[in-house]
Amino acid sequence: MIKTGLIPRNRMENLEVQSPPNKKKFWQYLIILVVLGLAVNLLLPQISDLTRSWEVLRTMTWWAVGLAFVAEILSYYSYGYCLHAIVNLHEKKLSAPRGTLIVMAATSVGLVAGGWFAVAGSIFGSVRRETNDSTTATMAGILPSMLLNLSIEVIAILGIVYLAVIGKLTNSQLIQYIIFLILLTISTFGYLLALVLPKQTYRVVNSVLWRWNRIRKKPYNPQKTHDMINNVILSWKELARGNWKKPFLGAFSYILFDMLAMFLIFQAIGYNIHPGVLFASYGIPFLLSKIAFIFPGGIGVIEASMAAIQTSLGVPNEISVVAILGYRLLSFWIPTLLGFVAMGYLSRNKNALKQTAVQK
């Protein structure tokens, strides 16, 4: 039994590392250029006939593309609803539309800063500014990512089972995918150890983060790790009352609408994709992108693995490439560009609120 579940502050150790001089982080933008080049180089070989691909594009049913766009709007709104539901659990206020703006801004941050960890961190910071509550912000940053990763794991497993049934899965691939699922599960749900072993969890997390930041030559504040774990404990106690259903609905709907958008793109092309192919070519690539988090937004990893899986399952090259590029345009690139706009809007709105408070 754990009496309080919280880590006493008096056991904190001062492990601060001096920050190196600020430098222009040009390497982040260099990574983006590199992975963009990787994506292009991995996709172009799949295009056996550019003329046929152009014909596929010209004959697309554009009302179906419009429906795919609507599906992506509903997808991001579902994520915003998830944040809204989580904040409401803590008796704070955050509308679903504003939560959607926060998610879109966080997606743009993830492109530059590196994957779903950065997205979770950005959401945490935005919700903390909105609610002035670290406990609420911690849950808003962690829980959606956990639920989304869980949904992706379920879809990936269904896709792997389909590949195994039709004989398109080798033993080495199966072992590989199982390892990826285990790694994602550990990285996603490792926080839950704090509920059972709070002090031990803190020591492990603190040690890992300290070494990681030392390698990156970044400053590290153990107090933040202490507060984060305590906030996780408090937040999960709130969820234990059965208040997880609405956040789960929002997170799962995000994945379902995103898959629907991909399905509608194939319908716009005039190709009836098999549900098993859809699950395999959606779930497995996103599983790989979660593991290869060094590639921001899964650029290159998602496109290449989607193309490889679809073509191996009989989808013509020209159709696969047009579908993947169209889907990624609607699901990732357009929301990312709009996310930078959302980031500016949220920043201006925050400054306006501060000025209003000062005047009062």
Protein backbone atom coordinates (compact mmCIF):
# COMPACT_ATOMS: atom_id res chain seq x y z
CA MET A 1 0.00 0.00 0.00
CA ILE A 2 1.16 3.50 -0.82
CA LYS A 3 0.01 6.05 1.68
CA THR A 4 0.44 9.22 -0.29
CA GLY A 5 1.98 8.07 -3.55
CA LEU A 6 4.04 11.25 -3.66
CA ILE A 7 7.78 11.71 -3.59
CA PRO A 8 9.06 13.88 -0.72
CA ARG A 9 10.86 16.98 -1.87
CA ASN A 10 13.55 16.76 0.81
CA ARG A 11 15.06 13.77 -0.99
CA MET A 12 15.73 15.72 -4.16
CA GLU A 13 19.32 15.95 -5.29
CA ASN A 14 20.76 18.92 -7.02
CA LEU A 15 21.81 17.58 -10.41
CA GLU A 16 21.77 20.79 -12.38
CA VAL A 17 24.02 20.87 -15.41
CA GLN A 18 25.25 24.17 -16.71
CA SER A 19 23.71 25.18 -19.99
CA PRO A 20 26.10 25.70 -22.87
CA PRO A 21 26.05 29.02 -24.71
CA ASN A 22 22.96 29.49 -26.81
CA LYS A 23 23.53 28.52 -30.41
CA LYS A 24 21.34 28.75 -33.42
CA LYS A 25 19.61 25.39 -33.75
CA PHE A 26 20.18 25.11 -37.46
CA TRP A 27 20.55 21.33 -37.12
CA GLN A 28 16.82 20.99 -36.48
CA TYR A 29 16.03 22.50 -39.84
CA LEU A 30 18.80 20.44 -41.41
CA ILE A 31 17.10 17.27 -40.14
CA ILE A 32 13.84 18.39 -41.75
CA LEU A 33 15.57 18.88 -45.10
CA VAL A 34 17.31 15.51 -44.82
CA VAL A 35 14.14 13.57 -44.00
CA LEU A 36 12.24 15.40 -46.73
CA GLY A 37 14.90 14.30 -49.16
CA LEU A 38 14.67 10.80 -47.75
CA ALA A 39 10.91 10.75 -48.23
CA VAL A 40 11.22 11.85 -51.85
CA ASN A 41 13.99 9.37 -52.64
CA LEU A 42 12.09 6.50 -51.05
CA LEU A 43 8.83 7.33 -52.82
CA LEU A 44 10.07 8.16 -56.29
CA PRO A 45 11.33 4.63 -57.01
CA GLN A 46 7.78 3.41 -56.41
CA ILE A 47 6.56 5.47 -59.37
CA SER A 48 7.03 3.14 -62.31
CA ASP A 49 5.20 5.39 -64.74
CA LEU A 50 4.86 9.12 -64.05
CA THR A 51 2.37 9.48 -66.89
CA ARG A 52 0.05 6.91 -65.35
CA SER A 53 0.37 8.60 -61.95
CA TRP A 54 -0.62 11.90 -63.51
CA GLU A 55 -3.62 10.23 -65.12
CA VAL A 56 -4.63 8.85 -61.72
CA LEU A 57 -4.44 12.36 -60.29
CA ARG A 58 -6.47 13.86 -63.13
CA THR A 59 -9.28 11.35 -62.79
CA MET A 60 -9.71 11.66 -59.02
CA THR A 61 -13.21 12.23 -57.64
CA TRP A 62 -12.78 15.56 -55.91
CA TRP A 63 -15.91 15.40 -53.77
CA ALA A 64 -14.36 12.35 -52.10
CA VAL A 65 -11.19 14.39 -51.52
CA GLY A 66 -13.39 17.02 -49.92
CA LEU A 67 -14.88 14.39 -47.62
CA ALA A 68 -11.35 13.28 -46.70
CA PHE A 69 -10.57 16.89 -45.78
CA VAL A 70 -13.68 17.00 -43.59
CA ALA A 71 -12.60 13.73 -41.96
CA GLU A 72 -9.25 15.31 -41.06
CA ILE A 73 -11.02 18.34 -39.56
CA LEU A 74 -13.09 15.98 -37.42
CA SER A 75 -9.92 14.07 -36.54
CA TYR A 76 -8.14 17.10 -35.12
CA TYR A 77 -11.34 18.31 -33.47
CA SER A 78 -11.58 14.92 -31.73
CA TYR A 79 -8.09 15.44 -30.32
CA GLY A 80 -9.16 18.89 -29.14
CA TYR A 81 -12.22 17.32 -27.52
CA CYS A 82 -9.93 14.87 -25.75
CA LEU A 83 -8.02 17.80 -24.20
CA HIS A 84 -11.31 19.50 -23.34
CA ALA A 85 -12.52 16.35 -21.54
CA ILE A 86 -9.28 15.98 -19.59
CA VAL A 87 -9.27 19.60 -18.47
CA ASN A 88 -12.91 19.31 -17.39
CA LEU A 89 -12.00 16.39 -15.14
CA HIS A 90 -9.89 18.82 -13.11
CA GLU A 91 -12.71 21.40 -13.02
CA LYS A 92 -10.86 23.74 -15.37
CA LYS A 93 -12.08 25.28 -18.61
CA LEU A 94 -10.77 24.66 -22.11
CA SER A 95 -13.10 24.59 -25.11
CA ALA A 96 -12.76 21.84 -27.71
CA PRO A 97 -12.02 24.37 -30.54
CA ARG A 98 -9.24 25.94 -28.48
CA GLY A 99 -7.95 22.48 -27.66
CA THR A 100 -7.85 21.81 -31.40
CA LEU A 101 -5.72 24.92 -31.94
CA ILE A 102 -3.34 23.72 -29.21
CA VAL A 103 -3.06 20.31 -30.89
CA MET A 104 -2.34 21.85 -34.29
CA ALA A 105 0.31 24.15 -32.81
CA ALA A 106 1.86 21.19 -30.99
CA THR A 107 2.00 19.23 -34.26
CA SER A 108 4.06 22.02 -35.78
CA VAL A 109 6.36 22.02 -32.74
CA GLY A 110 6.76 18.25 -33.12
CA LEU A 111 7.92 18.72 -36.70
CA VAL A 112 10.77 20.97 -35.60
CA ALA A 113 11.55 19.58 -32.14
CA GLY A 114 11.31 15.85 -32.76
CA GLY A 115 8.28 13.61 -32.61
CA TRP A 116 5.46 12.77 -30.24
CA PHE A 117 7.51 13.52 -27.12
CA ALA A 118 7.79 17.13 -28.28
CA VAL A 119 4.07 17.20 -29.11
CA ALA A 120 3.22 16.05 -25.58
CA GLY A 121 5.57 18.66 -24.10
CA SER A 122 4.06 21.44 -26.20
CA ILE A 123 0.52 20.47 -25.18
CA PHE A 124 1.62 20.42 -21.54
CA GLY A 125 2.99 23.96 -21.80
CA SER A 126 -0.08 25.33 -23.61
CA VAL A 127 -2.60 23.75 -21.22
CA ARG A 128 -0.60 24.94 -18.22
CA ARG A 129 -0.78 28.51 -19.54
CA GLU A 130 -4.52 28.12 -20.15
CA THR A 131 -5.37 26.60 -16.76
CA ASN A 132 -2.50 27.69 -14.48
CA ASP A 133 -2.49 24.13 -13.15
CA SER A 134 0.46 21.76 -13.61
CA THR A 135 -1.48 18.65 -12.62
CA THR A 136 -4.09 19.27 -15.33
CA ALA A 137 -1.38 20.13 -17.86
CA THR A 138 0.58 16.96 -17.08
CA MET A 139 -2.43 14.78 -17.74
CA ALA A 140 -3.29 16.72 -20.90
CA GLY A 141 0.23 16.15 -22.16
CA ILE A 142 0.53 12.48 -21.23
CA LEU A 143 -2.92 10.87 -21.45
CA PRO A 144 -3.77 11.70 -25.11
CA SER A 145 -0.41 10.36 -26.28
CA MET A 146 -0.96 7.18 -24.27
CA LEU A 147 -4.44 6.68 -25.71
CA LEU A 148 -3.31 7.46 -29.27
CA ASN A 149 -0.38 5.06 -29.02
CA LEU A 150 -2.69 2.39 -27.61
CA SER A 151 -5.05 2.88 -30.57
CA ILE A 152 -2.17 2.64 -33.04
CA GLU A 153 -0.94 -0.53 -31.36
CA VAL A 154 -4.39 -2.12 -31.70
CA ILE A 155 -4.61 -1.21 -35.40
CA ALA A 156 -1.03 -2.36 -36.01
CA ILE A 157 -1.76 -5.72 -34.36
CA LEU A 158 -4.82 -6.17 -36.59
CA GLY A 159 -2.67 -5.35 -39.61
CA ILE A 160 0.05 -7.79 -38.50
CA VAL A 161 -2.55 -10.53 -38.00
CA TYR A 162 -3.89 -9.88 -41.52
CA LEU A 163 -0.39 -10.14 -43.01
CA ALA A 164 0.18 -13.40 -41.13
CA VAL A 165 -3.14 -14.88 -42.30
CA ILE A 166 -2.45 -14.18 -45.98
CA GLY A 167 1.13 -15.41 -45.68
CA LYS A 168 2.85 -12.05 -46.22
CA LEU A 169 4.69 -12.00 -42.90
CA THR A 170 8.04 -13.66 -42.30
CA ASN A 171 9.21 -14.86 -38.88
CA SER A 172 11.88 -12.15 -38.72
CA GLN A 173 9.30 -9.46 -39.49
CA LEU A 174 6.98 -10.86 -36.83
CA ILE A 175 9.75 -10.77 -34.22
CA GLN A 176 10.63 -7.24 -35.33
CA TYR A 177 7.06 -6.00 -34.98
CA ILE A 178 6.65 -7.66 -31.58
CA ILE A 179 9.80 -5.90 -30.35
CA PHE A 180 8.48 -2.57 -31.66
CA LEU A 181 5.14 -3.13 -29.90
CA ILE A 182 6.91 -3.92 -26.63
CA LEU A 183 9.15 -0.84 -26.91
CA LEU A 184 6.19 1.43 -27.64
CA THR A 185 4.23 -0.08 -24.75
CA ILE A 186 7.09 0.51 -22.33
CA SER A 187 7.72 4.07 -23.48
CA THR A 188 3.99 4.85 -23.44
CA PHE A 189 2.84 3.20 -20.22
CA GLY A 190 6.06 3.25 -18.22
CA TYR A 191 4.67 6.24 -16.31
CA LEU A 192 2.15 3.96 -14.65
CA LEU A 193 4.93 2.39 -12.58
CA ALA A 194 4.80 5.61 -10.57
CA LEU A 195 1.46 4.49 -9.14
CA VAL A 196 3.01 1.38 -7.58
CA LEU A 197 6.66 2.35 -7.07
CA PRO A 198 6.82 6.15 -6.97
CA LYS A 199 10.26 6.52 -5.37
CA GLN A 200 11.90 3.84 -7.49
CA THR A 201 10.29 5.28 -10.62
CA TYR A 202 11.64 8.70 -9.81
CA ARG A 203 15.17 7.36 -9.37
CA VAL A 204 15.08 5.55 -12.71
CA VAL A 205 13.48 8.40 -14.66
CA ASN A 206 15.73 10.97 -13.01
CA SER A 207 18.86 8.96 -13.86
CA VAL A 208 17.83 8.43 -17.48
CA LEU A 209 16.86 12.06 -18.08
CA TRP A 210 19.98 13.34 -16.38
CA ARG A 211 22.24 11.21 -18.60
CA TRP A 212 20.20 12.02 -21.71
CA ASN A 213 20.46 15.78 -21.13
CA ARG A 214 24.14 15.45 -20.31
CA ILE A 215 24.73 13.77 -23.68
CA ARG A 216 22.75 16.53 -25.39
CA LYS A 217 24.61 19.16 -23.31
CA LYS A 218 21.30 20.53 -22.05
CA PRO A 219 20.44 21.79 -18.55
CA TYR A 220 18.50 19.37 -16.37
CA ASN A 221 16.28 20.24 -13.43
CA PRO A 222 15.39 17.19 -11.27
CA GLN A 223 12.66 19.21 -9.57
CA LYS A 224 10.68 19.13 -12.82
CA THR A 225 10.97 15.34 -12.93
CA HIS A 226 9.80 15.18 -9.31
CA ASP A 227 6.79 17.39 -10.02
CA MET A 228 5.95 15.50 -13.22
CA ILE A 229 5.78 12.13 -11.47
CA ASN A 230 3.75 13.55 -8.60
CA ASN A 231 1.33 15.11 -11.09
CA VAL A 232 0.97 11.79 -12.90
CA ILE A 233 0.07 10.08 -9.63
CA LEU A 234 -2.52 12.71 -8.72
CA SER A 235 -4.01 12.72 -12.22
CA TRP A 236 -4.38 8.96 -12.44
CA LYS A 237 -6.14 8.94 -9.10
CA GLU A 238 -8.71 11.22 -10.69
CA LEU A 239 -9.10 8.88 -13.67
CA ALA A 240 -9.53 5.90 -11.37
CA ARG A 241 -13.02 7.21 -10.62
CA GLY A 242 -14.10 6.14 -14.12
CA ASN A 243 -13.70 9.52 -15.80
CA TRP A 244 -11.55 8.16 -18.66
CA LYS A 245 -14.35 7.45 -21.16
CA LYS A 246 -14.64 10.88 -22.80
CA PRO A 247 -10.86 11.36 -23.22
CA PHE A 248 -10.65 7.86 -24.71
CA LEU A 249 -13.52 8.62 -27.08
CA GLY A 250 -11.75 11.76 -28.31
CA ALA A 251 -8.38 10.04 -28.79
CA PHE A 252 -9.80 6.96 -30.51
CA SER A 253 -11.99 9.12 -32.77
CA TYR A 254 -8.86 11.00 -33.83
CA ILE A 255 -7.37 7.76 -35.19
CA LEU A 256 -10.63 6.55 -36.75
CA PHE A 257 -11.27 9.79 -38.65
CA ASP A 258 -7.65 9.85 -39.79
CA MET A 259 -7.99 6.31 -41.16
CA LEU A 260 -11.27 7.31 -42.77
CA ALA A 261 -9.46 10.15 -44.58
CA MET A 262 -6.96 7.67 -46.01
CA PHE A 263 -9.80 5.36 -47.10
CA LEU A 264 -11.60 8.27 -48.79
CA ILE A 265 -8.46 9.22 -50.72
CA PHE A 266 -8.40 5.71 -52.18
CA GLN A 267 -12.10 6.06 -53.00
CA ALA A 268 -11.36 9.36 -54.73
CA ILE A 269 -8.80 7.55 -56.88
CA GLY A 270 -11.36 4.86 -57.66
CA TYR A 271 -9.53 2.04 -55.91
CA ASN A 272 -11.38 -0.14 -53.39
CA ILE A 273 -8.74 -0.88 -50.78
CA HIS A 274 -9.24 -4.06 -48.74
CA PRO A 275 -9.83 -3.36 -45.00
CA GLY A 276 -6.91 -5.63 -44.11
CA VAL A 277 -4.60 -3.69 -46.43
CA LEU A 278 -5.85 -0.44 -44.92
CA PHE A 279 -5.17 -1.61 -41.36
CA ALA A 280 -1.73 -2.99 -42.23
CA SER A 281 -0.60 0.01 -44.28
CA TYR A 282 -1.84 2.44 -41.64
CA GLY A 283 -1.05 0.79 -38.32
CA ILE A 284 2.41 -0.64 -39.05
CA PRO A 285 3.89 2.57 -40.56
CA PHE A 286 2.65 4.64 -37.62
CA LEU A 287 4.02 2.03 -35.23
CA LEU A 288 7.42 2.38 -36.92
CA SER A 289 7.21 6.18 -36.80
CA LYS A 290 6.57 6.10 -33.04
CA ILE A 291 9.72 4.04 -32.53
CA ALA A 292 11.79 6.13 -34.96
CA PHE A 293 10.82 9.34 -33.15
CA ILE A 294 14.04 11.02 -34.33
CA PHE A 295 12.22 11.59 -37.63
CA PRO A 296 9.84 14.49 -36.90
CA GLY A 297 6.29 13.71 -37.89
CA GLY A 298 7.41 10.33 -39.17
CA ILE A 299 8.57 11.99 -42.39
CA GLY A 300 10.06 9.40 -44.72
CA VAL A 301 9.31 6.49 -42.39
CA ILE A 302 5.53 6.63 -42.85
CA GLU A 303 5.57 7.32 -46.59
CA ALA A 304 8.15 4.65 -47.43
CA SER A 305 6.65 1.92 -45.25
CA MET A 306 3.14 2.67 -46.49
CA ALA A 307 4.30 2.41 -50.10
CA ALA A 308 6.22 -0.81 -49.43
CA ILE A 309 3.28 -2.51 -47.66
CA GLN A 310 0.65 -1.41 -50.16
CA THR A 311 2.60 -2.39 -53.26
CA SER A 312 3.53 -5.75 -51.71
CA LEU A 313 -0.19 -6.37 -51.16
CA GLY A 314 -1.11 -5.68 -54.77
CA VAL A 315 -1.87 -1.95 -54.83
CA PRO A 316 -0.52 -0.53 -58.14
CA ASN A 317 2.52 1.73 -57.69
CA GLU A 318 0.98 4.82 -59.26
CA ILE A 319 -2.18 4.52 -57.15
CA SER A 320 -0.23 3.90 -53.94
CA VAL A 321 2.00 6.95 -54.36
CA VAL A 322 -0.82 9.32 -55.26
CA ALA A 323 -2.91 8.04 -52.33
CA ILE A 324 -0.04 8.35 -49.84
CA LEU A 325 0.98 11.83 -50.93
CA GLY A 326 -2.66 13.00 -50.96
CA TYR A 327 -3.33 11.52 -47.54
CA ARG A 328 -0.16 12.99 -46.00
CA LEU A 329 -0.95 16.37 -47.52
CA LEU A 330 -4.35 16.43 -45.82
CA SER A 331 -3.38 14.73 -42.56
CA PHE A 332 0.04 16.21 -41.88
CA TRP A 333 1.35 19.00 -44.10
CA ILE A 334 -1.72 21.25 -44.24
CA PRO A 335 -2.43 20.89 -40.47
CA THR A 336 1.27 21.54 -39.76
CA LEU A 337 1.27 24.77 -41.78
CA LEU A 338 -1.99 25.84 -40.13
CA GLY A 339 -0.42 24.87 -36.80
CA PHE A 340 2.17 27.63 -37.15
CA VAL A 341 -0.71 30.06 -37.67
CA ALA A 342 -2.46 28.61 -34.60
CA MET A 343 0.76 29.00 -32.63
CA GLY A 344 0.89 32.69 -33.49
CA TYR A 345 -2.78 33.16 -32.62
CA LEU A 346 -2.40 31.47 -29.24
CA SER A 347 0.70 33.53 -28.49
CA ARG A 348 -1.01 36.83 -29.35
CA ASN A 349 -4.08 35.84 -27.38
CA LYS A 350 -1.92 35.02 -24.36
CA ASN A 351 -0.19 38.41 -24.54
CA ALA A 352 -3.54 40.17 -24.86
CA LEU A 353 -4.83 38.42 -21.73
CA LYS A 354 -1.72 39.46 -19.83
CA GLN A 355 -2.16 43.09 -20.85
CA THR A 356 -5.82 43.00 -19.83
CA ALA A 357 -4.89 41.57 -16.43
CA VAL A 358 -2.26 44.27 -15.89
CA GLN A 359 -4.74 47.04 -16.78
CA LYS A 360 -7.27 45.69 -14.30
